[in-house]
Amino acid sequence: MLALAAANVVGVVLFAGVYATAGVRLMSHSAFVACLVVMFALVTVLWVRVESRHRPLGAIRRLGRATAGLVLVLVAVPSIVLMPAFWLDTQLPPDADFTRFLGPLMSIVLIALGLIVLVNLVGAVTALVRAAAVVRARVQ
């Protein structure tokens, strides 16, 4: 479970970095799309490889581990990222205008978490297809 959560955290950081870089216009639109596709593929491969370490477990236990790892990340990442940002907003004087950063920060976190959910779904389908191929090969 923790290994899958760590793989998800790596994905969140990578996706957030790509979106933040594109948000400040440090890359072109085509570079952003290409980077996003490559990152999605890499994070999905990482997730599938980490999840495949648990092949001897039953399907329900594997699903439970993947779900627990995802839920852990979905709860922990906003807490770790957004709570300090809101605290900092209350500590800084109004002249600092830190509030203008909260919207983009929340958007990046939400988009990164949405992409991680999609990675988990694609990874789960990939794991199912691989398992079906192994079972089919054993039958033949």
Protein backbone atom coordinates (compact mmCIF):
# COMPACT_ATOMS: atom_id res chain seq x y z
CA MET A 1 0.00 0.00 0.00
CA LEU A 2 2.74 2.47 0.91
CA ALA A 3 4.68 1.67 -2.25
CA LEU A 4 1.61 2.43 -4.38
CA ALA A 5 1.02 5.62 -2.38
CA ALA A 6 4.64 6.63 -3.01
CA ALA A 7 4.23 5.99 -6.73
CA ASN A 8 1.10 8.14 -6.67
CA VAL A 9 2.93 10.93 -4.84
CA VAL A 10 5.68 10.86 -7.47
CA GLY A 11 2.98 11.25 -10.11
CA VAL A 12 1.33 14.14 -8.27
CA VAL A 13 4.66 15.97 -8.02
CA LEU A 14 5.47 15.40 -11.70
CA PHE A 15 2.03 16.47 -12.92
CA ALA A 16 1.99 19.51 -10.65
CA GLY A 17 5.45 20.50 -11.90
CA VAL A 18 4.39 20.23 -15.53
CA TYR A 19 1.23 22.25 -14.95
CA ALA A 20 3.06 24.90 -12.90
CA THR A 21 5.74 25.23 -15.56
CA ALA A 22 3.13 25.59 -18.28
CA GLY A 23 1.10 27.96 -16.11
CA VAL A 24 3.93 30.48 -15.92
CA ARG A 25 4.41 30.09 -19.67
CA LEU A 26 7.86 28.56 -19.58
CA MET A 27 6.91 26.03 -22.27
CA SER A 28 4.86 26.13 -25.41
CA HIS A 29 1.47 24.47 -25.69
CA SER A 30 2.80 21.64 -27.85
CA ALA A 31 5.67 21.03 -25.42
CA PHE A 32 3.17 20.94 -22.56
CA VAL A 33 0.96 18.38 -24.30
CA ALA A 34 3.97 16.22 -25.24
CA CYS A 35 5.35 16.44 -21.71
CA LEU A 36 1.96 15.58 -20.23
CA VAL A 37 1.60 12.51 -22.46
CA VAL A 38 5.12 11.30 -21.65
CA MET A 39 4.63 11.91 -17.91
CA PHE A 40 1.30 10.09 -17.95
CA ALA A 41 2.86 7.08 -19.66
CA LEU A 42 5.85 7.04 -17.30
CA VAL A 43 3.74 7.34 -14.16
CA THR A 44 1.38 4.63 -15.41
CA VAL A 45 4.32 2.29 -16.08
CA LEU A 46 5.70 3.05 -12.62
CA TRP A 47 2.33 2.34 -11.03
CA VAL A 48 1.91 -0.96 -12.93
CA ARG A 49 5.44 -2.10 -11.98
CA VAL A 50 4.90 -1.27 -8.31
CA GLU A 51 1.51 -2.96 -8.28
CA SER A 52 2.87 -6.05 -10.04
CA ARG A 53 5.05 -6.79 -7.01
CA HIS A 54 1.85 -8.03 -5.35
CA ARG A 55 0.85 -10.58 -8.00
CA PRO A 56 0.77 -13.51 -5.56
CA LEU A 57 -2.01 -11.81 -3.60
CA GLY A 58 -5.64 -12.35 -4.47
CA ALA A 59 -7.53 -9.91 -6.66
CA ILE A 60 -9.50 -8.44 -3.76
CA ARG A 61 -6.38 -7.79 -1.68
CA ARG A 62 -4.62 -6.21 -4.66
CA LEU A 63 -7.62 -3.98 -5.29
CA GLY A 64 -7.74 -3.07 -1.61
CA ARG A 65 -4.05 -2.14 -1.56
CA ALA A 66 -4.39 0.00 -4.68
CA THR A 67 -7.50 1.72 -3.34
CA ALA A 68 -5.92 2.36 0.05
CA GLY A 69 -2.81 3.82 -1.58
CA LEU A 70 -4.92 6.11 -3.74
CA VAL A 71 -7.16 7.25 -0.87
CA LEU A 72 -4.10 7.93 1.27
CA VAL A 73 -2.70 10.23 -1.41
CA LEU A 74 -6.07 11.88 -2.10
CA VAL A 75 -6.33 12.81 1.58
CA ALA A 76 -2.69 13.54 2.40
CA VAL A 77 -1.60 15.66 -0.57
CA PRO A 78 -4.21 18.43 -0.17
CA SER A 79 -3.55 18.45 3.57
CA ILE A 80 0.20 18.71 3.18
CA VAL A 81 0.10 21.29 0.39
CA LEU A 82 -2.93 23.45 1.04
CA MET A 83 -3.01 23.67 4.85
CA PRO A 84 0.39 25.41 5.08
CA ALA A 85 -0.58 27.71 2.21
CA PHE A 86 -3.76 28.81 3.98
CA TRP A 87 -1.86 29.22 7.25
CA LEU A 88 0.74 31.33 5.50
CA ASP A 89 -2.04 33.45 4.01
CA THR A 90 -3.30 34.25 7.51
CA GLN A 91 0.20 35.12 8.74
CA LEU A 92 1.25 37.47 5.96
CA PRO A 93 0.06 41.05 5.87
CA PRO A 94 -2.67 41.91 3.34
CA ASP A 95 -0.14 43.95 1.36
CA ALA A 96 1.67 40.75 0.44
CA ASP A 97 -1.42 39.70 -1.58
CA PHE A 98 -0.67 36.00 -1.07
CA THR A 99 -4.34 35.21 -1.68
CA ARG A 100 -3.79 35.53 -5.44
CA PHE A 101 -1.63 32.36 -5.33
CA LEU A 102 -4.21 30.20 -3.56
CA GLY A 103 -6.51 29.73 -6.57
CA PRO A 104 -3.79 28.54 -8.95
CA LEU A 105 -2.31 26.33 -6.20
CA MET A 106 -5.65 24.67 -5.53
CA SER A 107 -6.21 24.20 -9.26
CA ILE A 108 -2.83 22.55 -9.75
CA VAL A 109 -3.42 20.22 -6.80
CA LEU A 110 -6.88 19.28 -8.09
CA ILE A 111 -5.64 18.65 -11.64
CA ALA A 112 -2.69 16.57 -10.40
CA LEU A 113 -4.98 14.47 -8.19
CA GLY A 114 -7.41 13.97 -11.06
CA LEU A 115 -4.60 12.77 -13.29
CA ILE A 116 -3.43 10.38 -10.57
CA VAL A 117 -6.92 8.90 -10.34
CA LEU A 118 -6.81 8.43 -14.11
CA VAL A 119 -3.34 6.82 -13.85
CA ASN A 120 -4.71 4.40 -11.25
CA LEU A 121 -7.65 3.49 -13.49
CA VAL A 122 -5.45 2.96 -16.56
CA GLY A 123 -2.95 1.04 -14.45
CA ALA A 124 -5.67 -1.20 -13.04
CA VAL A 125 -6.98 -1.96 -16.52
CA THR A 126 -3.43 -2.69 -17.67
CA ALA A 127 -2.89 -5.05 -14.72
CA LEU A 128 -6.16 -6.83 -15.53
CA VAL A 129 -5.19 -7.26 -19.17
CA ARG A 130 -1.76 -8.59 -18.18
CA ALA A 131 -3.35 -11.03 -15.71
CA ALA A 132 -5.82 -12.23 -18.34
CA ALA A 133 -2.96 -12.77 -20.80
CA VAL A 134 -1.05 -14.84 -18.24
CA VAL A 135 -4.11 -16.95 -17.47
CA ARG A 136 -4.78 -17.44 -21.18
CA ALA A 137 -1.16 -18.48 -21.78
CA ARG A 138 -1.36 -21.04 -18.97
CA VAL A 139 -4.57 -22.51 -20.38
CA GLN A 140 -3.05 -23.02 -23.81
